[in-house]
């Protein structure tokens, strides 16, 4: 399959392994509208790619993804926004693309995975991170609901008690601790990450593909059911919080490099 129509995603192949690279390294692979739209299509295209059996998702440069692009968020604050119902549809396609893709998807977390980046990484089937990488869902620090997948996946991985702590505070967790509490699959030294992921992907690629794909499908049944019951509410609440004064204050505070003063409005 030809992936040349993608502008902010790069692709490489190693045998039957397809690597998808979020490619905005100068902005730590922060997600703008265009990258959001490409992420909503890429897992469906990768699922149909006849030349691959295993998918690796990673980020260019020193981060996996820093989350939302603040220029994009600022446009939402100022009213220069695409209707949120469109963004909600895009979010749904990203999550369903990952959950429904029959091929195993490995997140190679080469650096920090924040917000959207954390959600996308944790929704992958196997998460392998460099020791120094951090995971966080700081939606609440921006006055937003963690509606794009965080509230769905964190509790399933580490339980409600720990998940509520990280979702309600937005605090980060490093990869070593994340592996210890089962948030991710493996944490490895940064210099070993490429080799470890390559060997792991090759192992899956050598396996019985029908068995691997059907096993993933069965394992994800519970997640797909949960997605159907939880995701719409999460996205709706996140959409509501984009209209609050606290969201605007949080974006301005980041731009002005100061602590936000939330009003609860």
Foldseek 3Di string as FASTA:
>chain_A
DDPVVQDQWDWDDDFQEIEIERHPVVQLSADAPSNLQVLLCVLVVVLVDPRHQEYEYAYPDQFRYAYHDLVRLVCLLVVVDDPLVVVLVSLVSNLCSQLVRLGAYEYLTRAEQEAVRLQSRLSGPAYEYEQAHKYWNQQVLLQFFSQSRLVLRQCVQQHDVVSCVRRVHRDIDTPVVCCVRRSHPYYDHSVCRVVVVVVVRVVSRPDDRVVSSVVSNVVSPVSVVSCVVRNVVSSVRRSVSSNDPSNVQSSVCVVVVHRGDDDPD
